[in-house]
Amino acid sequence: MNEEYRERIRKVIAYIEQNSSQPLRLDQLAEISHFSKYHFTRIFTAIAGMTPMAFVTRKRIERARVLLTETDLAILEIAGESGFESVSALNVHFKRHFGCTPSRIRTNGRKHSNFPSVLSNKQAEPVPLADYNRTEGNPLLRRAWDSMVELREITEVEVAYVRHIGSYLDTHNAWDKLSHWSAQQGLHPANQQFIGISLDDTEYVDESVCRYDACITLPDGFKRDAQRKEVEYKTLSGGLYAVYSYYDTVDRFVLAYDTMFSVWLPRSGYEADDRPCLEFCLNDPAQDPQGKCMVGLYVPIRPSA
């Protein structure tokens, strides 16, 4: 695992540990790490073994547990001192984490010396940084990665797109609209490229309001129709990308992102750039004999500093 990546995530972890009782935003944590806000969550998860906000919640729970068993503060005060917005939020997290209420933990923690060690007065050890990358000393795996990931420099391109808001598993609605419009314009897979862009990380926003753009590239000189409100236009940035070829079912495509960010990127000598990933759609899953999608996942990169 790239030691620079580890050190940058350690700084974020140290900041969370010192400020877990304060409001913490993902973009704020991304800024501390100096990783792109678009890709910070995936990188943190790959190295720390949990998402940033799951780690924040864990630290808040630990602090609340200590205050419950070592002080006489009211539970309302403990919720605020630990960074929870309300007692109900504290209750929800304690029931999920410990299977009981804060009040029971306070009572049991004081009455029973053999209370489970996870609730003991000893401070929890810092979370170990997970090492998902096992390829460093393995030439065979290294060659396999080199054959699966290709670096490509692409130029900026003009696209028409239809935006979908909601679950990424329901993006077919946007693709249906775009396909109908593009057929009317004489734009087909044989002469243009179809590109998907997942604009939101579900760690940042609720799945129901995630944005996804279904795009098609436009030929030079294409005359835009400003009257067609269902279709919009924009320019996709060019630059250097790491390209991972994926062929499997749509619901597993998220694993392609996980593979690139947790395994390939940390050992690559590159870091994710501040541009969205591009999903070049290379087939129609509905027409595929196995119902699988073929996608070129373009991860924007730049040399590590």
C-alpha atoms as a PDB file:
ATOM      1  CA  MET A   1       0.000   0.000   0.000  1.00  0.00           C
ATOM      2  CA  ASN A   2       1.336   3.425  -0.942  1.00  0.00           C
ATOM      3  CA  GLU A   3       2.794   4.904   2.289  1.00  0.00           C
ATOM      4  CA  GLU A   4       1.901   8.436   1.193  1.00  0.00           C
ATOM      5  CA  TYR A   5      -1.758   7.389   0.947  1.00  0.00           C
ATOM      6  CA  ARG A   6      -1.571   5.886   4.423  1.00  0.00           C
ATOM      7  CA  GLU A   7      -0.038   9.023   5.899  1.00  0.00           C
ATOM      8  CA  ARG A   8      -2.692  11.276   4.389  1.00  0.00           C
ATOM      9  CA  ILE A   9      -5.466   9.072   5.747  1.00  0.00           C
ATOM     10  CA  ARG A  10      -3.739   8.968   9.153  1.00  0.00           C
ATOM     11  CA  LYS A  11      -3.988  12.760   9.273  1.00  0.00           C
ATOM     12  CA  VAL A  12      -7.724  12.524   8.641  1.00  0.00           C
ATOM     13  CA  ILE A  13      -8.115   9.853  11.328  1.00  0.00           C
ATOM     14  CA  ALA A  14      -6.174  11.965  13.830  1.00  0.00           C
ATOM     15  CA  TYR A  15      -8.384  14.961  13.026  1.00  0.00           C
ATOM     16  CA  ILE A  16     -11.546  12.901  13.500  1.00  0.00           C
ATOM     17  CA  GLU A  17     -10.294  11.523  16.815  1.00  0.00           C
ATOM     18  CA  GLN A  18      -9.612  15.055  18.076  1.00  0.00           C
ATOM     19  CA  ASN A  19     -12.835  16.590  16.769  1.00  0.00           C
ATOM     20  CA  SER A  20     -15.433  13.801  16.717  1.00  0.00           C
ATOM     21  CA  SER A  21     -17.769  15.806  18.963  1.00  0.00           C
ATOM     22  CA  GLN A  22     -17.867  18.640  16.419  1.00  0.00           C
ATOM     23  CA  PRO A  23     -19.893  18.721  13.187  1.00  0.00           C
ATOM     24  CA  LEU A  24     -17.762  17.053  10.503  1.00  0.00           C
ATOM     25  CA  ARG A  25     -18.399  17.213   6.763  1.00  0.00           C
ATOM     26  CA  LEU A  26     -16.977  14.892   4.135  1.00  0.00           C
ATOM     27  CA  ASP A  27     -15.685  17.753   1.990  1.00  0.00           C
ATOM     28  CA  GLN A  28     -13.874  19.100   5.073  1.00  0.00           C
ATOM     29  CA  LEU A  29     -12.204  15.704   5.675  1.00  0.00           C
ATOM     30  CA  ALA A  30     -11.334  15.387   1.993  1.00  0.00           C
ATOM     31  CA  GLU A  31      -9.588  18.761   2.138  1.00  0.00           C
ATOM     32  CA  ILE A  32      -7.450  17.577   5.061  1.00  0.00           C
ATOM     33  CA  SER A  33      -6.401  14.492   3.092  1.00  0.00           C
ATOM     34  CA  HIS A  34      -5.613  16.504  -0.054  1.00  0.00           C
ATOM     35  CA  PHE A  35      -7.513  13.888  -2.049  1.00  0.00           C
ATOM     36  CA  SER A  36     -10.170  14.865  -4.551  1.00  0.00           C
ATOM     37  CA  LYS A  37     -13.571  15.331  -2.927  1.00  0.00           C
ATOM     38  CA  TYR A  38     -15.017  13.139  -5.695  1.00  0.00           C
ATOM     39  CA  HIS A  39     -12.933  10.133  -4.665  1.00  0.00           C
ATOM     40  CA  PHE A  40     -12.007  10.647  -0.996  1.00  0.00           C
ATOM     41  CA  THR A  41     -14.586   8.239   0.440  1.00  0.00           C
ATOM     42  CA  ARG A  42     -13.440   5.332  -1.708  1.00  0.00           C
ATOM     43  CA  ILE A  43      -9.770   5.922  -0.860  1.00  0.00           C
ATOM     44  CA  PHE A  44     -10.460   6.290   2.877  1.00  0.00           C
ATOM     45  CA  THR A  45     -12.550   3.108   2.881  1.00  0.00           C
ATOM     46  CA  ALA A  46      -9.890   1.175   1.003  1.00  0.00           C
ATOM     47  CA  ILE A  47      -7.211   2.130   3.533  1.00  0.00           C
ATOM     48  CA  ALA A  48      -9.146   2.351   6.832  1.00  0.00           C
ATOM     49  CA  GLY A  49     -11.579  -0.484   6.192  1.00  0.00           C
ATOM     50  CA  MET A  50     -14.725   1.605   6.739  1.00  0.00           C
ATOM     51  CA  THR A  51     -16.252   4.761   5.313  1.00  0.00           C
ATOM     52  CA  PRO A  52     -15.240   8.138   6.790  1.00  0.00           C
ATOM     53  CA  MET A  53     -18.632   8.774   8.356  1.00  0.00           C
ATOM     54  CA  ALA A  54     -18.790   5.242   9.768  1.00  0.00           C
ATOM     55  CA  PHE A  55     -15.449   5.984  11.423  1.00  0.00           C
ATOM     56  CA  VAL A  56     -16.774   9.296  12.783  1.00  0.00           C
ATOM     57  CA  THR A  57     -19.808   7.497  14.213  1.00  0.00           C
ATOM     58  CA  ARG A  58     -17.588   4.848  15.777  1.00  0.00           C
ATOM     59  CA  LYS A  59     -15.512   7.505  17.553  1.00  0.00           C
ATOM     60  CA  ARG A  60     -18.646   9.275  18.788  1.00  0.00           C
ATOM     61  CA  ILE A  61     -19.995   6.001  20.162  1.00  0.00           C
ATOM     62  CA  GLU A  62     -16.701   5.339  21.952  1.00  0.00           C
ATOM     63  CA  ARG A  63     -16.736   8.795  23.536  1.00  0.00           C
ATOM     64  CA  ALA A  64     -20.375   8.456  24.603  1.00  0.00           C
ATOM     65  CA  ARG A  65     -19.658   5.047  26.180  1.00  0.00           C
ATOM     66  CA  VAL A  66     -16.803   6.511  28.246  1.00  0.00           C
ATOM     67  CA  LEU A  67     -18.966   9.423  29.424  1.00  0.00           C
ATOM     68  CA  LEU A  68     -21.786   7.052  30.348  1.00  0.00           C
ATOM     69  CA  THR A  69     -19.630   4.850  32.540  1.00  0.00           C
ATOM     70  CA  GLU A  70     -17.192   7.415  33.954  1.00  0.00           C
ATOM     71  CA  THR A  71     -19.329  10.511  34.556  1.00  0.00           C
ATOM     72  CA  ASP A  72     -22.712  11.468  35.972  1.00  0.00           C
ATOM     73  CA  LEU A  73     -23.658  13.664  33.013  1.00  0.00           C
ATOM     74  CA  ALA A  74     -27.247  13.411  31.854  1.00  0.00           C
ATOM     75  CA  ILE A  75     -27.741  11.384  28.703  1.00  0.00           C
ATOM     76  CA  LEU A  76     -28.920  14.524  26.894  1.00  0.00           C
ATOM     77  CA  GLU A  77     -25.602  16.194  27.746  1.00  0.00           C
ATOM     78  CA  ILE A  78     -23.657  13.101  26.711  1.00  0.00           C
ATOM     79  CA  ALA A  79     -25.359  13.092  23.321  1.00  0.00           C
ATOM     80  CA  GLY A  80     -24.238  16.668  22.719  1.00  0.00           C
ATOM     81  CA  GLU A  81     -20.731  16.121  24.126  1.00  0.00           C
ATOM     82  CA  SER A  82     -20.272  13.120  21.829  1.00  0.00           C
ATOM     83  CA  GLY A  83     -21.393  14.841  18.638  1.00  0.00           C
ATOM     84  CA  PHE A  84     -24.869  13.310  18.282  1.00  0.00           C
ATOM     85  CA  GLU A  85     -27.651  15.671  17.281  1.00  0.00           C
ATOM     86  CA  SER A  86     -30.165  14.264  19.769  1.00  0.00           C
ATOM     87  CA  VAL A  87     -30.775  11.573  22.368  1.00  0.00           C
ATOM     88  CA  SER A  88     -32.815   9.645  19.806  1.00  0.00           C
ATOM     89  CA  ALA A  89     -29.814   9.581  17.447  1.00  0.00           C
ATOM     90  CA  LEU A  90     -27.635   8.355  20.304  1.00  0.00           C
ATOM     91  CA  ASN A  91     -30.188   5.628  21.099  1.00  0.00           C
ATOM     92  CA  VAL A  92     -30.359   4.463  17.499  1.00  0.00           C
ATOM     93  CA  HIS A  93     -26.600   4.098  17.177  1.00  0.00           C
ATOM     94  CA  PHE A  94     -26.199   2.388  20.556  1.00  0.00           C
ATOM     95  CA  LYS A  95     -28.922  -0.138  19.793  1.00  0.00           C
ATOM     96  CA  ARG A  96     -27.328  -0.833  16.417  1.00  0.00           C
ATOM     97  CA  HIS A  97     -23.805  -1.095  17.824  1.00  0.00           C
ATOM     98  CA  PHE A  98     -24.378  -2.690  21.244  1.00  0.00           C
ATOM     99  CA  GLY A  99     -27.919  -4.051  21.037  1.00  0.00           C
ATOM    100  CA  CYS A 100     -29.098  -2.015  24.026  1.00  0.00           C
ATOM    101  CA  THR A 101     -29.826   1.543  25.159  1.00  0.00           C
ATOM    102  CA  PRO A 102     -27.302   4.028  26.614  1.00  0.00           C
ATOM    103  CA  SER A 103     -29.099   3.791  29.979  1.00  0.00           C
ATOM    104  CA  ARG A 104     -28.560   0.044  30.144  1.00  0.00           C
ATOM    105  CA  ILE A 105     -24.909   0.444  29.228  1.00  0.00           C
ATOM    106  CA  ARG A 106     -24.508   2.969  32.043  1.00  0.00           C
ATOM    107  CA  THR A 107     -26.156   0.638  34.559  1.00  0.00           C
ATOM    108  CA  ASN A 108     -24.361  -2.525  33.481  1.00  0.00           C
ATOM    109  CA  GLY A 109     -21.027  -0.772  33.084  1.00  0.00           C
ATOM    110  CA  ARG A 110     -21.105   0.285  36.706  1.00  0.00           C
ATOM    111  CA  LYS A 111     -22.571  -2.885  38.230  1.00  0.00           C
ATOM    112  CA  HIS A 112     -20.592  -5.602  36.510  1.00  0.00           C
ATOM    113  CA  SER A 113     -16.824  -5.752  36.364  1.00  0.00           C
ATOM    114  CA  ASN A 114     -17.068  -8.517  33.755  1.00  0.00           C
ATOM    115  CA  PHE A 115     -19.072  -6.355  31.340  1.00  0.00           C
ATOM    116  CA  PRO A 116     -18.004  -7.024  27.733  1.00  0.00           C
ATOM    117  CA  SER A 117     -14.562  -5.611  27.000  1.00  0.00           C
ATOM    118  CA  VAL A 118     -15.874  -3.495  24.150  1.00  0.00           C
ATOM    119  CA  LEU A 119     -17.612  -1.433  26.828  1.00  0.00           C
ATOM    120  CA  SER A 120     -14.706  -1.339  29.282  1.00  0.00           C
ATOM    121  CA  ASN A 121     -13.139   1.892  30.517  1.00  0.00           C
ATOM    122  CA  LYS A 122     -10.057   1.262  28.407  1.00  0.00           C
ATOM    123  CA  GLN A 123      -9.885   3.537  25.394  1.00  0.00           C
ATOM    124  CA  ALA A 124     -10.215   1.669  22.107  1.00  0.00           C
ATOM    125  CA  GLU A 125      -7.079   1.182  20.096  1.00  0.00           C
ATOM    126  CA  PRO A 126      -6.729   3.328  16.967  1.00  0.00           C
ATOM    127  CA  VAL A 127      -8.241   1.650  13.941  1.00  0.00           C
ATOM    128  CA  PRO A 128      -5.618  -0.288  11.980  1.00  0.00           C
ATOM    129  CA  LEU A 129      -5.176   0.827   8.415  1.00  0.00           C
ATOM    130  CA  ALA A 130      -6.325  -2.026   6.220  1.00  0.00           C
ATOM    131  CA  ASP A 131      -4.027  -3.205   3.479  1.00  0.00           C
ATOM    132  CA  TYR A 132      -6.151  -4.320   0.579  1.00  0.00           C
ATOM    133  CA  ASN A 133      -3.219  -4.399  -1.808  1.00  0.00           C
ATOM    134  CA  ARG A 134      -1.405  -7.742  -1.834  1.00  0.00           C
ATOM    135  CA  THR A 135       0.331  -7.388  -5.191  1.00  0.00           C
ATOM    136  CA  GLU A 136       3.479  -5.454  -4.294  1.00  0.00           C
ATOM    137  CA  GLY A 137       5.767  -8.452  -4.133  1.00  0.00           C
ATOM    138  CA  ASN A 138       3.926 -10.647  -6.589  1.00  0.00           C
ATOM    139  CA  PRO A 139       5.096 -10.255 -10.213  1.00  0.00           C
ATOM    140  CA  LEU A 140       2.273 -12.448 -11.515  1.00  0.00           C
ATOM    141  CA  LEU A 141      -0.423 -10.263  -9.962  1.00  0.00           C
ATOM    142  CA  ARG A 142       1.428  -7.147 -11.034  1.00  0.00           C
ATOM    143  CA  ARG A 143       1.454  -8.325 -14.648  1.00  0.00           C
ATOM    144  CA  ALA A 144      -2.233  -9.198 -14.376  1.00  0.00           C
ATOM    145  CA  TRP A 145      -2.998  -5.648 -13.240  1.00  0.00           C
ATOM    146  CA  ASP A 146      -0.905  -4.212 -16.041  1.00  0.00           C
ATOM    147  CA  SER A 147      -2.967  -6.199 -18.528  1.00  0.00           C
ATOM    148  CA  MET A 148      -6.284  -5.106 -17.010  1.00  0.00           C
ATOM    149  CA  VAL A 149      -5.662  -1.385 -16.568  1.00  0.00           C
ATOM    150  CA  GLU A 150      -4.538   0.882 -19.389  1.00  0.00           C
ATOM    151  CA  LEU A 151      -3.521   4.532 -19.160  1.00  0.00           C
ATOM    152  CA  ARG A 152      -5.142   6.740 -21.784  1.00  0.00           C
ATOM    153  CA  GLU A 153      -4.994  10.427 -22.574  1.00  0.00           C
ATOM    154  CA  ILE A 154      -8.282  11.654 -24.016  1.00  0.00           C
ATOM    155  CA  THR A 155      -9.388  15.002 -25.364  1.00  0.00           C
ATOM    156  CA  GLU A 156     -12.408  16.953 -24.146  1.00  0.00           C
ATOM    157  CA  VAL A 157     -15.631  16.048 -25.877  1.00  0.00           C
ATOM    158  CA  GLU A 158     -19.047  17.611 -26.364  1.00  0.00           C
ATOM    159  CA  VAL A 159     -22.001  15.506 -25.241  1.00  0.00           C
ATOM    160  CA  ALA A 160     -25.764  15.599 -25.028  1.00  0.00           C
ATOM    161  CA  TYR A 161     -27.154  14.093 -21.846  1.00  0.00           C
ATOM    162  CA  VAL A 162     -30.270  13.183 -19.892  1.00  0.00           C
ATOM    163  CA  ARG A 163     -30.042  13.446 -16.121  1.00  0.00           C
ATOM    164  CA  HIS A 164     -31.436  10.790 -13.818  1.00  0.00           C
ATOM    165  CA  ILE A 165     -32.025  11.481 -10.120  1.00  0.00           C
ATOM    166  CA  GLY A 166     -32.454   8.459  -7.882  1.00  0.00           C
ATOM    167  CA  SER A 167     -30.966   5.019  -7.472  1.00  0.00           C
ATOM    168  CA  TYR A 168     -28.111   4.213  -9.826  1.00  0.00           C
ATOM    169  CA  LEU A 169     -29.829   0.884 -10.499  1.00  0.00           C
ATOM    170  CA  ASP A 170     -32.688   2.768 -12.219  1.00  0.00           C
ATOM    171  CA  THR A 171     -30.625   4.726 -14.750  1.00  0.00           C
ATOM    172  CA  HIS A 172     -32.233   2.793 -17.619  1.00  0.00           C
ATOM    173  CA  ASN A 173     -34.968   5.450 -17.653  1.00  0.00           C
ATOM    174  CA  ALA A 174     -32.444   8.130 -18.653  1.00  0.00           C
ATOM    175  CA  TRP A 175     -30.849   5.809 -21.219  1.00  0.00           C
ATOM    176  CA  ASP A 176     -34.246   5.076 -22.792  1.00  0.00           C
ATOM    177  CA  LYS A 177     -34.921   8.816 -23.227  1.00  0.00           C
ATOM    178  CA  LEU A 178     -31.451   9.476 -24.592  1.00  0.00           C
ATOM    179  CA  SER A 179     -31.612   6.521 -27.001  1.00  0.00           C
ATOM    180  CA  HIS A 180     -34.940   7.717 -28.394  1.00  0.00           C
ATOM    181  CA  TRP A 181     -33.625  11.264 -28.865  1.00  0.00           C
ATOM    182  CA  SER A 182     -30.307  10.168 -30.391  1.00  0.00           C
ATOM    183  CA  ALA A 183     -32.044   7.873 -32.891  1.00  0.00           C
ATOM    184  CA  GLN A 184     -34.108  10.842 -34.073  1.00  0.00           C
ATOM    185  CA  GLN A 185     -30.853  12.783 -34.557  1.00  0.00           C
ATOM    186  CA  GLY A 186     -29.165   9.989 -36.482  1.00  0.00           C
ATOM    187  CA  LEU A 187     -26.701   9.357 -33.659  1.00  0.00           C
ATOM    188  CA  HIS A 188     -25.982   5.664 -33.118  1.00  0.00           C
ATOM    189  CA  PRO A 189     -23.486   3.450 -31.242  1.00  0.00           C
ATOM    190  CA  ALA A 190     -21.748   2.762 -34.537  1.00  0.00           C
ATOM    191  CA  ASN A 191     -20.640   6.391 -34.866  1.00  0.00           C
ATOM    192  CA  GLN A 192     -20.864   7.877 -31.347  1.00  0.00           C
ATOM    193  CA  GLN A 193     -20.010   6.833 -27.814  1.00  0.00           C
ATOM    194  CA  PHE A 194     -22.375   6.434 -24.895  1.00  0.00           C
ATOM    195  CA  ILE A 195     -20.963   7.524 -21.515  1.00  0.00           C
ATOM    196  CA  GLY A 196     -22.459   7.319 -18.040  1.00  0.00           C
ATOM    197  CA  ILE A 197     -21.386   9.642 -15.206  1.00  0.00           C
ATOM    198  CA  SER A 198     -22.225   8.909 -11.576  1.00  0.00           C
ATOM    199  CA  LEU A 199     -22.025  12.403 -10.084  1.00  0.00           C
ATOM    200  CA  ASP A 200     -22.692  11.619  -6.419  1.00  0.00           C
ATOM    201  CA  ASP A 201     -21.222   9.252  -3.885  1.00  0.00           C
ATOM    202  CA  THR A 202     -23.945   7.552  -1.836  1.00  0.00           C
ATOM    203  CA  GLU A 203     -21.804   8.271   1.232  1.00  0.00           C
ATOM    204  CA  TYR A 204     -22.354  11.989   0.605  1.00  0.00           C
ATOM    205  CA  VAL A 205     -26.007  11.979  -0.397  1.00  0.00           C
ATOM    206  CA  ASP A 206     -29.036   9.772  -0.041  1.00  0.00           C
ATOM    207  CA  GLU A 207     -29.473   7.290  -2.877  1.00  0.00           C
ATOM    208  CA  SER A 208     -32.849   8.807  -3.737  1.00  0.00           C
ATOM    209  CA  VAL A 209     -31.220  12.096  -4.822  1.00  0.00           C
ATOM    210  CA  CYS A 210     -28.072  10.752  -6.494  1.00  0.00           C
ATOM    211  CA  ARG A 211     -27.421  12.343  -9.892  1.00  0.00           C
ATOM    212  CA  TYR A 212     -26.439  10.344 -12.963  1.00  0.00           C
ATOM    213  CA  ASP A 213     -25.931  11.656 -16.498  1.00  0.00           C
ATOM    214  CA  ALA A 214     -26.538   9.400 -19.490  1.00  0.00           C
ATOM    215  CA  CYS A 215     -24.450  10.972 -22.273  1.00  0.00           C
ATOM    216  CA  ILE A 216     -23.786  10.575 -25.975  1.00  0.00           C
ATOM    217  CA  THR A 217     -20.887  12.218 -27.777  1.00  0.00           C
ATOM    218  CA  LEU A 218     -21.706  14.729 -30.501  1.00  0.00           C
ATOM    219  CA  PRO A 219     -20.068  14.997 -33.929  1.00  0.00           C
ATOM    220  CA  ASP A 220     -18.304  18.173 -35.011  1.00  0.00           C
ATOM    221  CA  GLY A 221     -20.735  20.791 -36.232  1.00  0.00           C
ATOM    222  CA  PHE A 222     -23.745  19.249 -34.526  1.00  0.00           C
ATOM    223  CA  LYS A 223     -26.590  21.755 -34.332  1.00  0.00           C
ATOM    224  CA  ARG A 224     -28.034  21.893 -30.848  1.00  0.00           C
ATOM    225  CA  ASP A 225     -31.774  22.103 -30.392  1.00  0.00           C
ATOM    226  CA  ALA A 226     -32.348  24.429 -27.441  1.00  0.00           C
ATOM    227  CA  GLN A 227     -36.063  23.647 -27.492  1.00  0.00           C
ATOM    228  CA  ARG A 228     -35.624  20.026 -26.395  1.00  0.00           C
ATOM    229  CA  LYS A 229     -35.781  20.428 -22.643  1.00  0.00           C
ATOM    230  CA  GLU A 230     -35.287  16.737 -21.836  1.00  0.00           C
ATOM    231  CA  VAL A 231     -31.808  16.823 -23.364  1.00  0.00           C
ATOM    232  CA  GLU A 232     -29.009  19.116 -22.184  1.00  0.00           C
ATOM    233  CA  TYR A 233     -25.456  19.694 -23.392  1.00  0.00           C
ATOM    234  CA  LYS A 234     -22.019  20.005 -21.783  1.00  0.00           C
ATOM    235  CA  THR A 235     -18.290  19.428 -22.296  1.00  0.00           C
ATOM    236  CA  LEU A 236     -16.516  16.512 -20.654  1.00  0.00           C
ATOM    237  CA  SER A 237     -12.958  17.263 -19.584  1.00  0.00           C
ATOM    238  CA  GLY A 238     -10.058  15.492 -21.239  1.00  0.00           C
ATOM    239  CA  GLY A 239      -6.826  14.417 -19.589  1.00  0.00           C
ATOM    240  CA  LEU A 240      -5.185  11.286 -18.253  1.00  0.00           C
ATOM    241  CA  TYR A 241      -7.344   8.345 -17.214  1.00  0.00           C
ATOM    242  CA  ALA A 242      -6.758   4.817 -15.945  1.00  0.00           C
ATOM    243  CA  VAL A 243      -9.112   2.515 -17.830  1.00  0.00           C
ATOM    244  CA  TYR A 244     -10.467  -0.708 -16.317  1.00  0.00           C
ATOM    245  CA  SER A 245     -12.424  -3.070 -18.587  1.00  0.00           C
ATOM    246  CA  TYR A 246     -15.497  -4.525 -16.893  1.00  0.00           C
ATOM    247  CA  TYR A 247     -17.833  -7.244 -18.133  1.00  0.00           C
ATOM    248  CA  ASP A 248     -20.444  -8.523 -15.671  1.00  0.00           C
ATOM    249  CA  THR A 249     -23.942  -7.761 -14.415  1.00  0.00           C
ATOM    250  CA  VAL A 250     -25.001  -4.163 -13.776  1.00  0.00           C
ATOM    251  CA  ASP A 251     -25.566  -4.670 -10.047  1.00  0.00           C
ATOM    252  CA  ARG A 252     -21.919  -5.696  -9.580  1.00  0.00           C
ATOM    253  CA  PHE A 253     -20.457  -2.729 -11.404  1.00  0.00           C
ATOM    254  CA  VAL A 254     -19.817  -0.982  -8.078  1.00  0.00           C
ATOM    255  CA  LEU A 255     -17.109  -3.626  -7.527  1.00  0.00           C
ATOM    256  CA  ALA A 256     -15.173  -2.168 -10.464  1.00  0.00           C
ATOM    257  CA  TYR A 257     -14.928   1.124  -8.577  1.00  0.00           C
ATOM    258  CA  ASP A 258     -13.899  -0.685  -5.404  1.00  0.00           C
ATOM    259  CA  THR A 259     -11.232  -2.640  -7.259  1.00  0.00           C
ATOM    260  CA  MET A 260      -9.714   0.435  -8.858  1.00  0.00           C
ATOM    261  CA  PHE A 261      -9.698   2.587  -5.722  1.00  0.00           C
ATOM    262  CA  SER A 262      -8.759  -0.042  -3.141  1.00  0.00           C
ATOM    263  CA  VAL A 263      -6.281  -2.173  -5.082  1.00  0.00           C
ATOM    264  CA  TRP A 264      -4.924  -0.553  -8.233  1.00  0.00           C
ATOM    265  CA  LEU A 265      -4.749   3.148  -7.377  1.00  0.00           C
ATOM    266  CA  PRO A 266      -2.719   2.928  -4.116  1.00  0.00           C
ATOM    267  CA  ARG A 267       0.140   1.063  -5.826  1.00  0.00           C
ATOM    268  CA  SER A 268      -0.020   2.892  -9.162  1.00  0.00           C
ATOM    269  CA  GLY A 269       2.086   5.993  -8.474  1.00  0.00           C
ATOM    270  CA  TYR A 270      -0.979   8.089  -9.346  1.00  0.00           C
ATOM    271  CA  GLU A 271      -3.828   9.658  -7.413  1.00  0.00           C
ATOM    272  CA  ALA A 272      -7.400  10.390  -8.426  1.00  0.00           C
ATOM    273  CA  ASP A 273      -7.812  13.776 -10.054  1.00  0.00           C
ATOM    274  CA  ASP A 274     -10.632  16.216  -9.301  1.00  0.00           C
ATOM    275  CA  ARG A 275     -12.821  15.105 -12.204  1.00  0.00           C
ATOM    276  CA  PRO A 276     -15.697  12.615 -12.251  1.00  0.00           C
ATOM    277  CA  CYS A 277     -15.151   9.069 -13.455  1.00  0.00           C
ATOM    278  CA  LEU A 278     -16.501   8.228 -16.907  1.00  0.00           C
ATOM    279  CA  GLU A 279     -18.307   4.988 -17.717  1.00  0.00           C
ATOM    280  CA  PHE A 280     -17.973   4.217 -21.424  1.00  0.00           C
ATOM    281  CA  CYS A 281     -20.848   1.863 -22.251  1.00  0.00           C
ATOM    282  CA  LEU A 282     -19.672  -0.665 -24.844  1.00  0.00           C
ATOM    283  CA  ASN A 283     -22.781  -2.823 -25.227  1.00  0.00           C
ATOM    284  CA  ASP A 284     -26.495  -2.994 -24.491  1.00  0.00           C
ATOM    285  CA  PRO A 285     -27.011  -5.406 -21.556  1.00  0.00           C
ATOM    286  CA  ALA A 286     -30.533  -6.120 -22.812  1.00  0.00           C
ATOM    287  CA  GLN A 287     -29.023  -7.497 -26.027  1.00  0.00           C
ATOM    288  CA  ASP A 288     -26.188  -9.387 -24.354  1.00  0.00           C
ATOM    289  CA  PRO A 289     -26.624 -13.209 -24.317  1.00  0.00           C
ATOM    290  CA  GLN A 290     -25.796 -13.273 -20.592  1.00  0.00           C
ATOM    291  CA  GLY A 291     -27.454  -9.979 -19.726  1.00  0.00           C
ATOM    292  CA  LYS A 292     -24.112  -8.452 -18.772  1.00  0.00           C
ATOM    293  CA  CYS A 293     -22.785  -4.961 -19.358  1.00  0.00           C
ATOM    294  CA  MET A 294     -19.424  -4.175 -20.938  1.00  0.00           C
ATOM    295  CA  VAL A 295     -18.014  -0.934 -19.579  1.00  0.00           C
ATOM    296  CA  GLY A 296     -14.731   0.908 -19.784  1.00  0.00           C
ATOM    297  CA  LEU A 297     -14.377   2.608 -16.393  1.00  0.00           C
ATOM    298  CA  TYR A 298     -12.227   5.733 -16.827  1.00  0.00           C
ATOM    299  CA  VAL A 299     -10.740   6.908 -13.525  1.00  0.00           C
ATOM    300  CA  PRO A 300      -9.208  10.416 -13.803  1.00  0.00           C
ATOM    301  CA  ILE A 301      -5.640  10.425 -12.490  1.00  0.00           C
ATOM    302  CA  ARG A 302      -2.578  12.591 -12.045  1.00  0.00           C
ATOM    303  CA  PRO A 303       0.964  11.703 -10.880  1.00  0.00           C
ATOM    304  CA  SER A 304       1.265  11.563  -7.091  1.00  0.00           C
ATOM    305  CA  ALA A 305       2.927  14.663  -5.654  1.00  0.00           C
END
